PDB file of N, CA and C in Angstrom:
ATOM      1  N   UNK A   1     -60.627 -11.361  58.253  1.00  0.00           N
ATOM      2  CA  UNK A   1     -61.912 -11.526  58.430  1.00  0.00           C
ATOM      3  C   UNK A   1     -61.509 -11.300  60.275  1.00  0.00           C
ATOM      4  N   UNK A   2     -62.665 -10.120  60.838  1.00  0.00           N
ATOM      5  CA  UNK A   2     -62.363  -9.874  62.183  1.00  0.00           C
ATOM      6  C   UNK A   2     -62.655 -11.615  63.206  1.00  0.00           C
ATOM      7  N   UNK A   3     -61.855 -11.214  64.290  1.00  0.00           N
ATOM      8  CA  UNK A   3     -62.147 -12.609  65.215  1.00  0.00           C
ATOM      9  C   UNK A   3     -63.066 -11.995  66.235  1.00  0.00           C
ATOM     10  N   UNK A   4     -63.916 -12.322  66.704  1.00  0.00           N
ATOM     11  CA  UNK A   4     -64.698 -12.228  67.808  1.00  0.00           C
ATOM     12  C   UNK A   4     -64.023 -12.456  69.000  1.00  0.00           C
ATOM     13  N   UNK A   5     -63.589 -11.687  70.061  1.00  0.00           N
ATOM     14  CA  UNK A   5     -63.212 -11.947  71.452  1.00  0.00           C
ATOM     15  C   UNK A   5     -62.194 -12.588  71.328  1.00  0.00           C
ATOM     16  N   UNK A   6     -60.924 -12.176  70.617  1.00  0.00           N
ATOM     17  CA  UNK A   6     -59.534 -13.071  70.793  1.00  0.00           C
ATOM     18  C   UNK A   6     -59.227 -13.475  71.268  1.00  0.00           C
ATOM     19  N   UNK A   7     -58.202 -14.729  71.962  1.00  0.00           N
ATOM     20  CA  UNK A   7     -57.606 -14.805  72.939  1.00  0.00           C
ATOM     21  C   UNK A   7     -56.217 -13.778  73.406  1.00  0.00           C
ATOM     22  N   UNK A   8     -56.166 -14.186  74.176  1.00  0.00           N
ATOM     23  CA  UNK A   8     -54.612 -12.831  74.726  1.00  0.00           C
ATOM     24  C   UNK A   8     -53.892 -13.960  74.713  1.00  0.00           C
ATOM     25  N   UNK A   9     -52.668 -13.757  74.117  1.00  0.00           N
ATOM     26  CA  UNK A   9     -51.603 -14.950  74.130  1.00  0.00           C
ATOM     27  C   UNK A   9     -51.390 -15.529  75.275  1.00  0.00           C
ATOM     28  N   UNK A  10     -51.348 -14.783  75.962  1.00  0.00           N
ATOM     29  CA  UNK A  10     -50.976 -15.397  77.741  1.00  0.00           C
ATOM     30  C   UNK A  10     -52.434 -16.855  77.768  1.00  0.00           C
ATOM     31  N   UNK A  11     -53.224 -16.263  77.736  1.00  0.00           N
ATOM     32  CA  UNK A  11     -54.440 -17.168  77.984  1.00  0.00           C
ATOM     33  C   UNK A  11     -54.447 -18.804  77.036  1.00  0.00           C
ATOM     34  N   UNK A  12     -53.522 -18.159  75.659  1.00  0.00           N
ATOM     35  CA  UNK A  12     -53.618 -19.043  74.906  1.00  0.00           C
ATOM     36  C   UNK A  12     -52.246 -20.255  74.987  1.00  0.00           C
ATOM     37  N   UNK A  13     -51.286 -19.496  75.684  1.00  0.00           N
ATOM     38  CA  UNK A  13     -49.972 -20.402  76.170  1.00  0.00           C
ATOM     39  C   UNK A  13     -50.715 -21.009  77.192  1.00  0.00           C
ATOM     40  N   UNK A  14     -51.137 -20.528  78.360  1.00  0.00           N
ATOM     41  CA  UNK A  14     -51.935 -21.045  79.677  1.00  0.00           C
ATOM     42  C   UNK A  14     -52.603 -22.536  78.932  1.00  0.00           C
ATOM     43  N   UNK A  15     -53.621 -22.260  77.916  1.00  0.00           N
ATOM     44  CA  UNK A  15     -54.752 -23.598  77.553  1.00  0.00           C
ATOM     45  C   UNK A  15     -53.931 -24.354  76.870  1.00  0.00           C
ATOM     46  N   UNK A  16     -53.460 -23.904  75.257  1.00  0.00           N
ATOM     47  CA  UNK A  16     -52.655 -24.887  74.918  1.00  0.00           C
ATOM     48  C   UNK A  16     -51.522 -25.746  75.064  1.00  0.00           C
ATOM     49  N   UNK A  17     -50.559 -24.874  75.654  1.00  0.00           N
ATOM     50  CA  UNK A  17     -49.480 -25.403  76.168  1.00  0.00           C
ATOM     51  C   UNK A  17     -48.828 -25.844  77.677  1.00  0.00           C
ATOM     52  N   UNK A  18     -49.256 -25.091  78.159  1.00  0.00           N
ATOM     53  CA  UNK A  18     -49.007 -25.365  79.772  1.00  0.00           C
ATOM     54  C   UNK A  18     -50.094 -26.391  80.538  1.00  0.00           C
ATOM     55  N   UNK A  19     -51.292 -25.843  80.549  1.00  0.00           N
ATOM     56  CA  UNK A  19     -52.466 -27.067  81.370  1.00  0.00           C
ATOM     57  C   UNK A  19     -52.441 -28.412  80.992  1.00  0.00           C
ATOM     58  N   UNK A  20     -52.241 -28.486  79.210  1.00  0.00           N
ATOM     59  CA  UNK A  20     -52.784 -29.867  79.135  1.00  0.00           C
ATOM     60  C   UNK A  20     -51.340 -30.577  78.904  1.00  0.00           C
ATOM     61  N   UNK A  21     -50.247 -30.289  78.799  1.00  0.00           N
ATOM     62  CA  UNK A  21     -48.962 -30.966  79.284  1.00  0.00           C
ATOM     63  C   UNK A  21     -48.485 -30.618  80.916  1.00  0.00           C
ATOM     64  N   UNK A  22     -48.929 -30.045  81.382  1.00  0.00           N
ATOM     65  CA  UNK A  22     -48.587 -29.834  83.011  1.00  0.00           C
ATOM     66  C   UNK A  22     -47.253 -29.101  83.138  1.00  0.00           C
ATOM     67  N   UNK A  23     -47.102 -27.798  82.537  1.00  0.00           N
ATOM     68  CA  UNK A  23     -45.544 -27.580  82.593  1.00  0.00           C
ATOM     69  C   UNK A  23     -46.137 -26.424  83.595  1.00  0.00           C
ATOM     70  N   UNK A  24     -45.215 -25.923  84.182  1.00  0.00           N
ATOM     71  CA  UNK A  24     -45.667 -24.546  85.137  1.00  0.00           C
ATOM     72  C   UNK A  24     -44.841 -23.274  84.204  1.00  0.00           C
ATOM     73  N   UNK A  25     -45.339 -22.414  84.769  1.00  0.00           N
ATOM     74  CA  UNK A  25     -44.977 -21.014  83.898  1.00  0.00           C
ATOM     75  C   UNK A  25     -43.603 -20.839  84.877  1.00  0.00           C
ATOM     76  N   UNK A  26     -43.441 -21.371  85.736  1.00  0.00           N
ATOM     77  CA  UNK A  26     -41.926 -20.554  86.185  1.00  0.00           C
ATOM     78  C   UNK A  26     -41.254 -21.748  85.138  1.00  0.00           C
ATOM     79  N   UNK A  27     -41.212 -22.875  84.821  1.00  0.00           N
ATOM     80  CA  UNK A  27     -40.607 -24.159  84.166  1.00  0.00           C
ATOM     81  C   UNK A  27     -40.304 -23.319  82.673  1.00  0.00           C
ATOM     82  N   UNK A  28     -41.422 -22.770  81.991  1.00  0.00           N
ATOM     83  CA  UNK A  28     -41.450 -22.331  80.740  1.00  0.00           C
ATOM     84  C   UNK A  28     -40.961 -21.401  80.770  1.00  0.00           C
ATOM     85  N   UNK A  29     -40.658 -20.354  81.550  1.00  0.00           N
ATOM     86  CA  UNK A  29     -39.839 -19.122  81.763  1.00  0.00           C
ATOM     87  C   UNK A  29     -38.410 -18.951  81.605  1.00  0.00           C
ATOM     88  N   UNK A  30     -37.965 -20.461  82.650  1.00  0.00           N
ATOM     89  CA  UNK A  30     -36.579 -20.713  82.531  1.00  0.00           C
ATOM     90  C   UNK A  30     -36.130 -21.469  80.926  1.00  0.00           C
ATOM     91  N   UNK A  31     -36.943 -21.987  80.572  1.00  0.00           N
ATOM     92  CA  UNK A  31     -36.662 -22.494  78.741  1.00  0.00           C
ATOM     93  C   UNK A  31     -36.491 -21.328  78.595  1.00  0.00           C
ATOM     94  N   UNK A  32     -37.194 -20.453  78.353  1.00  0.00           N
ATOM     95  CA  UNK A  32     -37.385 -18.720  77.801  1.00  0.00           C
ATOM     96  C   UNK A  32     -36.609 -18.139  77.628  1.00  0.00           C
ATOM     97  N   UNK A  33     -35.650 -18.252  79.113  1.00  0.00           N
ATOM     98  CA  UNK A  33     -34.841 -17.455  79.503  1.00  0.00           C
ATOM     99  C   UNK A  33     -34.944 -16.279  80.217  1.00  0.00           C
ATOM    100  N   UNK A  34     -36.484 -15.559  80.584  1.00  0.00           N
ATOM    101  CA  UNK A  34     -36.776 -14.516  81.121  1.00  0.00           C
ATOM    102  C   UNK A  34     -37.224 -14.851  82.620  1.00  0.00           C
ATOM    103  N   UNK A  35     -37.456 -13.880  83.499  1.00  0.00           N
ATOM    104  CA  UNK A  35     -37.753 -14.227  84.697  1.00  0.00           C
ATOM    105  C   UNK A  35     -39.177 -14.295  84.893  1.00  0.00           C
ATOM    106  N   UNK A  36     -39.555 -15.171  85.873  1.00  0.00           N
ATOM    107  CA  UNK A  36     -40.886 -15.801  85.770  1.00  0.00           C
ATOM    108  C   UNK A  36     -41.817 -14.710  86.052  1.00  0.00           C
ATOM    109  N   UNK A  37     -41.316 -13.594  86.813  1.00  0.00           N
ATOM    110  CA  UNK A  37     -42.630 -12.570  86.324  1.00  0.00           C
ATOM    111  C   UNK A  37     -42.729 -12.241  85.323  1.00  0.00           C
ATOM    112  N   UNK A  38     -41.633 -12.339  85.010  1.00  0.00           N
ATOM    113  CA  UNK A  38     -42.259 -11.443  83.370  1.00  0.00           C
ATOM    114  C   UNK A  38     -43.076 -12.238  82.574  1.00  0.00           C
ATOM    115  N   UNK A  39     -42.812 -13.503  82.441  1.00  0.00           N
ATOM    116  CA  UNK A  39     -43.691 -14.779  81.769  1.00  0.00           C
ATOM    117  C   UNK A  39     -44.931 -14.506  82.680  1.00  0.00           C
ATOM    118  N   UNK A  40     -44.989 -14.385  83.723  1.00  0.00           N
ATOM    119  CA  UNK A  40     -46.396 -14.024  84.616  1.00  0.00           C
ATOM    120  C   UNK A  40     -46.897 -13.425  84.273  1.00  0.00           C
ATOM    121  N   UNK A  41     -46.591 -12.192  83.668  1.00  0.00           N
ATOM    122  CA  UNK A  41     -47.302 -11.023  83.552  1.00  0.00           C
ATOM    123  C   UNK A  41     -47.941 -11.090  82.213  1.00  0.00           C
ATOM    124  N   UNK A  42     -47.528 -11.757  81.119  1.00  0.00           N
ATOM    125  CA  UNK A  42     -48.114 -12.456  79.808  1.00  0.00           C
ATOM    126  C   UNK A  42     -49.152 -13.122  80.322  1.00  0.00           C
ATOM    127  N   UNK A  43     -48.560 -14.080  80.884  1.00  0.00           N
ATOM    128  CA  UNK A  43     -49.915 -15.303  81.591  1.00  0.00           C
ATOM    129  C   UNK A  43     -51.120 -14.642  82.053  1.00  0.00           C
ATOM    130  N   UNK A  44     -51.040 -13.645  82.873  1.00  0.00           N
ATOM    131  CA  UNK A  44     -51.773 -12.773  83.740  1.00  0.00           C
ATOM    132  C   UNK A  44     -52.803 -11.872  82.437  1.00  0.00           C
ATOM    133  N   UNK A  45     -52.056 -11.523  81.790  1.00  0.00           N
ATOM    134  CA  UNK A  45     -53.020 -10.912  80.734  1.00  0.00           C
ATOM    135  C   UNK A  45     -52.526  -9.324  80.975  1.00  0.00           C
ATOM    136  N   UNK A  46     -51.515  -9.097  81.890  1.00  0.00           N
ATOM    137  CA  UNK A  46     -51.331  -8.111  82.041  1.00  0.00           C
ATOM    138  C   UNK A  46     -50.230  -7.172  81.006  1.00  0.00           C
ATOM    139  N   UNK A  47     -49.352  -8.139  80.139  1.00  0.00           N
ATOM    140  CA  UNK A  47     -48.357  -7.763  79.703  1.00  0.00           C
ATOM    141  C   UNK A  47     -48.659  -8.051  78.201  1.00  0.00           C
ATOM    142  N   UNK A  48     -48.173  -7.678  77.239  1.00  0.00           N
ATOM    143  CA  UNK A  48     -48.201  -8.711  75.820  1.00  0.00           C
ATOM    144  C   UNK A  48     -47.244  -8.855  75.263  1.00  0.00           C
ATOM    145  N   UNK A  49     -47.065  -9.507  74.175  1.00  0.00           N
ATOM    146  CA  UNK A  49     -45.943 -10.310  73.369  1.00  0.00           C
ATOM    147  C   UNK A  49     -45.129  -9.278  72.733  1.00  0.00           C
ATOM    148  N   UNK A  50     -43.556  -8.850  72.823  1.00  0.00           N
ATOM    149  CA  UNK A  50     -42.775  -8.051  72.236  1.00  0.00           C
ATOM    150  C   UNK A  50     -42.208  -9.041  71.475  1.00  0.00           C
ATOM    151  N   UNK A  51     -41.736  -8.330  70.227  1.00  0.00           N
ATOM    152  CA  UNK A  51     -41.162  -9.128  69.344  1.00  0.00           C
ATOM    153  C   UNK A  51     -39.767  -9.741  70.049  1.00  0.00           C
ATOM    154  N   UNK A  52     -39.212  -9.797  71.039  1.00  0.00           N
ATOM    155  CA  UNK A  52     -38.120 -10.235  71.983  1.00  0.00           C
ATOM    156  C   UNK A  52     -39.064 -11.448  72.210  1.00  0.00           C
ATOM    157  N   UNK A  53     -39.753 -11.335  73.014  1.00  0.00           N
ATOM    158  CA  UNK A  53     -41.106 -12.390  73.675  1.00  0.00           C
ATOM    159  C   UNK A  53     -41.288 -13.619  72.282  1.00  0.00           C
ATOM    160  N   UNK A  54     -41.739 -12.924  71.319  1.00  0.00           N
ATOM    161  CA  UNK A  54     -42.144 -13.566  70.109  1.00  0.00           C
ATOM    162  C   UNK A  54     -41.510 -14.139  69.646  1.00  0.00           C
ATOM    163  N   UNK A  55     -39.812 -14.154  69.567  1.00  0.00           N
ATOM    164  CA  UNK A  55     -39.030 -14.796  68.938  1.00  0.00           C
ATOM    165  C   UNK A  55     -38.491 -15.754  70.094  1.00  0.00           C
ATOM    166  N   UNK A  56     -38.728 -15.839  71.219  1.00  0.00           N
ATOM    167  CA  UNK A  56     -38.448 -16.767  71.952  1.00  0.00           C
ATOM    168  C   UNK A  56     -39.376 -17.497  72.442  1.00  0.00           C
ATOM    169  N   UNK A  57     -40.646 -17.597  71.666  1.00  0.00           N
ATOM    170  CA  UNK A  57     -41.651 -18.320  72.127  1.00  0.00           C
ATOM    171  C   UNK A  57     -41.722 -19.094  70.633  1.00  0.00           C
ATOM    172  N   UNK A  58     -41.168 -18.561  70.167  1.00  0.00           N
ATOM    173  CA  UNK A  58     -41.127 -19.391  68.689  1.00  0.00           C
ATOM    174  C   UNK A  58     -40.225 -20.235  68.535  1.00  0.00           C
ATOM    175  N   UNK A  59     -38.973 -20.170  69.404  1.00  0.00           N
ATOM    176  CA  UNK A  59     -38.060 -20.929  69.523  1.00  0.00           C
ATOM    177  C   UNK A  59     -38.310 -22.329  70.849  1.00  0.00           C
ATOM    178  N   UNK A  60     -38.733 -22.018  71.626  1.00  0.00           N
ATOM    179  CA  UNK A  60     -39.679 -22.918  72.647  1.00  0.00           C
ATOM    180  C   UNK A  60     -40.760 -23.782  72.610  1.00  0.00           C
ATOM    181  N   UNK A  61     -41.422 -23.040  71.837  1.00  0.00           N
ATOM    182  CA  UNK A  61     -43.373 -23.394  71.568  1.00  0.00           C
ATOM    183  C   UNK A  61     -43.400 -23.644  70.173  1.00  0.00           C
ATOM    184  N   UNK A  62     -42.818 -23.158  69.481  1.00  0.00           N
ATOM    185  CA  UNK A  62     -43.300 -23.351  67.992  1.00  0.00           C
ATOM    186  C   UNK A  62     -43.980 -22.088  67.249  1.00  0.00           C
ATOM    187  N   UNK A  63     -44.274 -22.315  66.416  1.00  0.00           N
ATOM    188  CA  UNK A  63     -44.591 -21.204  65.740  1.00  0.00           C
ATOM    189  C   UNK A  63     -44.093 -19.701  65.303  1.00  0.00           C
ATOM    190  N   UNK A  64     -44.668 -19.335  64.373  1.00  0.00           N
ATOM    191  CA  UNK A  64     -43.379 -18.662  63.887  1.00  0.00           C
ATOM    192  C   UNK A  64     -43.323 -17.090  65.421  1.00  0.00           C
ATOM    193  N   UNK A  65     -42.731 -16.750  65.008  1.00  0.00           N
ATOM    194  CA  UNK A  65     -42.548 -15.248  65.727  1.00  0.00           C
ATOM    195  C   UNK A  65     -43.668 -14.287  65.150  1.00  0.00           C
ATOM    196  N   UNK A  66     -44.078 -14.127  63.868  1.00  0.00           N
ATOM    197  CA  UNK A  66     -44.791 -13.445  63.152  1.00  0.00           C
ATOM    198  C   UNK A  66     -46.725 -13.757  63.428  1.00  0.00           C
ATOM    199  N   UNK A  67     -46.647 -15.473  63.843  1.00  0.00           N
ATOM    200  CA  UNK A  67     -48.019 -15.611  64.438  1.00  0.00           C
ATOM    201  C   UNK A  67     -48.423 -14.918  65.634  1.00  0.00           C
ATOM    202  N   UNK A  68     -47.134 -15.070  66.680  1.00  0.00           N
ATOM    203  CA  UNK A  68     -46.967 -14.653  68.217  1.00  0.00           C
ATOM    204  C   UNK A  68     -47.546 -13.018  68.071  1.00  0.00           C
ATOM    205  N   UNK A  69     -47.041 -12.354  67.195  1.00  0.00           N
ATOM    206  CA  UNK A  69     -47.304 -10.909  67.275  1.00  0.00           C
ATOM    207  C   UNK A  69     -48.340 -10.431  66.654  1.00  0.00           C
ATOM    208  N   UNK A  70     -48.941 -11.164  65.488  1.00  0.00           N
ATOM    209  CA  UNK A  70     -50.264 -11.219  65.020  1.00  0.00           C
ATOM    210  C   UNK A  70     -51.660 -11.612  66.319  1.00  0.00           C
ATOM    211  N   UNK A  71     -51.005 -12.573  66.916  1.00  0.00           N
ATOM    212  CA  UNK A  71     -52.143 -12.908  67.932  1.00  0.00           C
ATOM    213  C   UNK A  71     -52.316 -11.743  68.714  1.00  0.00           C
ATOM    214  N   UNK A  72     -51.117 -10.964  69.489  1.00  0.00           N
ATOM    215  CA  UNK A  72     -51.290  -9.706  69.999  1.00  0.00           C
ATOM    216  C   UNK A  72     -51.855  -8.812  69.477  1.00  0.00           C
ATOM    217  N   UNK A  73     -51.568  -8.538  68.068  1.00  0.00           N
ATOM    218  CA  UNK A  73     -52.203  -7.500  67.576  1.00  0.00           C
ATOM    219  C   UNK A  73     -53.784  -7.688  67.525  1.00  0.00           C
ATOM    220  N   UNK A  74     -54.148  -8.944  67.346  1.00  0.00           N
ATOM    221  CA  UNK A  74     -55.381  -9.083  66.934  1.00  0.00           C
ATOM    222  C   UNK A  74     -56.549  -8.516  68.422  1.00  0.00           C
ATOM    223  N   UNK A  75     -55.818  -9.182  69.186  1.00  0.00           N
ATOM    224  CA  UNK A  75     -56.072  -8.969  70.372  1.00  0.00           C
ATOM    225  C   UNK A  75     -56.380  -7.595  71.169  1.00  0.00           C
ATOM    226  N   UNK A  76     -54.911  -7.113  70.495  1.00  0.00           N
ATOM    227  CA  UNK A  76     -55.154  -5.191  70.928  1.00  0.00           C
ATOM    228  C   UNK A  76     -56.037  -4.774  70.547  1.00  0.00           C
ATOM    229  N   UNK A  77     -56.258  -4.823  68.628  1.00  0.00           N
ATOM    230  CA  UNK A  77     -56.961  -4.553  68.370  1.00  0.00           C
ATOM    231  C   UNK A  77     -58.936  -4.700  68.525  1.00  0.00           C
ATOM    232  N   UNK A  78     -58.741  -5.849  68.934  1.00  0.00           N
ATOM    233  CA  UNK A  78     -60.417  -6.009  69.894  1.00  0.00           C
ATOM    234  C   UNK A  78     -60.898  -5.543  70.857  1.00  0.00           C
ATOM    235  N   UNK A  79     -59.742  -5.290  71.636  1.00  0.00           N
ATOM    236  CA  UNK A  79     -59.826  -4.417  72.977  1.00  0.00           C
ATOM    237  C   UNK A  79     -59.748  -3.165  72.778  1.00  0.00           C
ATOM    238  N   UNK A  80     -59.518  -2.412  71.848  1.00  0.00           N
ATOM    239  CA  UNK A  80     -59.276  -1.283  71.499  1.00  0.00           C
ATOM    240  C   UNK A  80     -60.454  -0.853  70.957  1.00  0.00           C
ATOM    241  N   UNK A  81     -61.454  -1.597  70.220  1.00  0.00           N
ATOM    242  CA  UNK A  81     -62.789  -1.868  69.448  1.00  0.00           C
ATOM    243  C   UNK A  81     -63.713  -1.371  70.486  1.00  0.00           C
ATOM    244  N   UNK A  82     -63.717  -2.189  71.297  1.00  0.00           N
ATOM    245  CA  UNK A  82     -64.597  -2.229  72.416  1.00  0.00           C
ATOM    246  C   UNK A  82     -64.444  -1.079  73.394  1.00  0.00           C
ATOM    247  N   UNK A  83     -63.182  -0.164  73.348  1.00  0.00           N
ATOM    248  CA  UNK A  83     -63.231   0.957  74.301  1.00  0.00           C
ATOM    249  C   UNK A  83     -62.710   2.163  73.750  1.00  0.00           C
ATOM    250  N   UNK A  84     -62.712   2.138  72.235  1.00  0.00           N
ATOM    251  CA  UNK A  84     -62.225   3.494  72.034  1.00  0.00           C
ATOM    252  C   UNK A  84     -63.447   4.534  71.087  1.00  0.00           C
ATOM    253  N   UNK A  85     -64.279   5.769  71.459  1.00  0.00           N
ATOM    254  CA  UNK A  85     -64.962   5.976  70.797  1.00  0.00           C
ATOM    255  C   UNK A  85     -64.881   6.469  69.642  1.00  0.00           C
ATOM    256  N   UNK A  86     -65.259   6.183  68.828  1.00  0.00           N
ATOM    257  CA  UNK A  86     -64.808   7.236  67.244  1.00  0.00           C
ATOM    258  C   UNK A  86     -66.253   7.814  66.536  1.00  0.00           C
ATOM    259  N   UNK A  87     -67.330   7.999  67.316  1.00  0.00           N
ATOM    260  CA  UNK A  87     -68.717   9.179  67.132  1.00  0.00           C
ATOM    261  C   UNK A  87     -67.904  10.473  66.311  1.00  0.00           C
ATOM    262  N   UNK A  88     -67.263  11.036  66.890  1.00  0.00           N
ATOM    263  CA  UNK A  88     -66.911  12.352  66.716  1.00  0.00           C
ATOM    264  C   UNK A  88     -65.417  12.220  65.618  1.00  0.00           C
ATOM    265  N   UNK A  89     -65.023  11.221  65.226  1.00  0.00           N
ATOM    266  CA  UNK A  89     -63.975  10.995  64.452  1.00  0.00           C
ATOM    267  C   UNK A  89     -64.582  11.063  62.959  1.00  0.00           C
ATOM    268  N   UNK A  90     -64.320  11.739  61.664  1.00  0.00           N
ATOM    269  CA  UNK A  90     -64.984  11.221  60.952  1.00  0.00           C
ATOM    270  C   UNK A  90     -63.619  11.618  59.087  1.00  0.00           C
ATOM    271  N   UNK A  91     -63.485  10.744  58.385  1.00  0.00           N
ATOM    272  CA  UNK A  91     -62.771  10.647  57.626  1.00  0.00           C
ATOM    273  C   UNK A  91     -62.700  12.449  57.045  1.00  0.00           C
ATOM    274  N   UNK A  92     -61.354  12.602  56.014  1.00  0.00           N
ATOM    275  CA  UNK A  92     -61.026  13.417  55.283  1.00  0.00           C
ATOM    276  C   UNK A  92     -61.256  12.971  53.792  1.00  0.00           C
ATOM    277  N   UNK A  93     -61.796  13.864  53.329  1.00  0.00           N
ATOM    278  CA  UNK A  93     -61.835  13.714  52.199  1.00  0.00           C
ATOM    279  C   UNK A  93     -61.054  14.222  51.162  1.00  0.00           C
ATOM    280  N   UNK A  94     -59.935  13.690  50.513  1.00  0.00           N
ATOM    281  CA  UNK A  94     -58.600  14.251  50.000  1.00  0.00           C
ATOM    282  C   UNK A  94     -59.052  14.303  48.427  1.00  0.00           C
ATOM    283  N   UNK A  95     -58.395  15.632  48.156  1.00  0.00           N
ATOM    284  CA  UNK A  95     -58.777  15.401  46.754  1.00  0.00           C
ATOM    285  C   UNK A  95     -57.573  15.084  45.566  1.00  0.00           C
ATOM    286  N   UNK A  96     -56.864  14.704  45.907  1.00  0.00           N
ATOM    287  CA  UNK A  96     -55.840  13.814  45.479  1.00  0.00           C
ATOM    288  C   UNK A  96     -54.942  13.192  46.793  1.00  0.00           C
ATOM    289  N   UNK A  97     -54.870  11.411  46.162  1.00  0.00           N
ATOM    290  CA  UNK A  97     -54.109  11.009  47.358  1.00  0.00           C
ATOM    291  C   UNK A  97     -54.150   9.660  46.470  1.00  0.00           C
TER     292      UNK A  97
END
């Protein structure tokens, strides 16, 4: 089932983990073993979750690495659906497939 306007993982981290627990991005970056600027790009939705970051988030925050990547994929697909024009794209009818 498609999600309507799924959150970016950075917004999810902010809303579910950082704000309610009064943890700074700098503190989380330290726990993740990444530069604060790296995490800041994720939190500000300028970067997505890479497989490496998914492993780090899983270890520090919980959830499986796959769930972090799935959240990113859902967000990316939703964004693409908002911006990609498919009006001139048509399915190929194959004789054998």
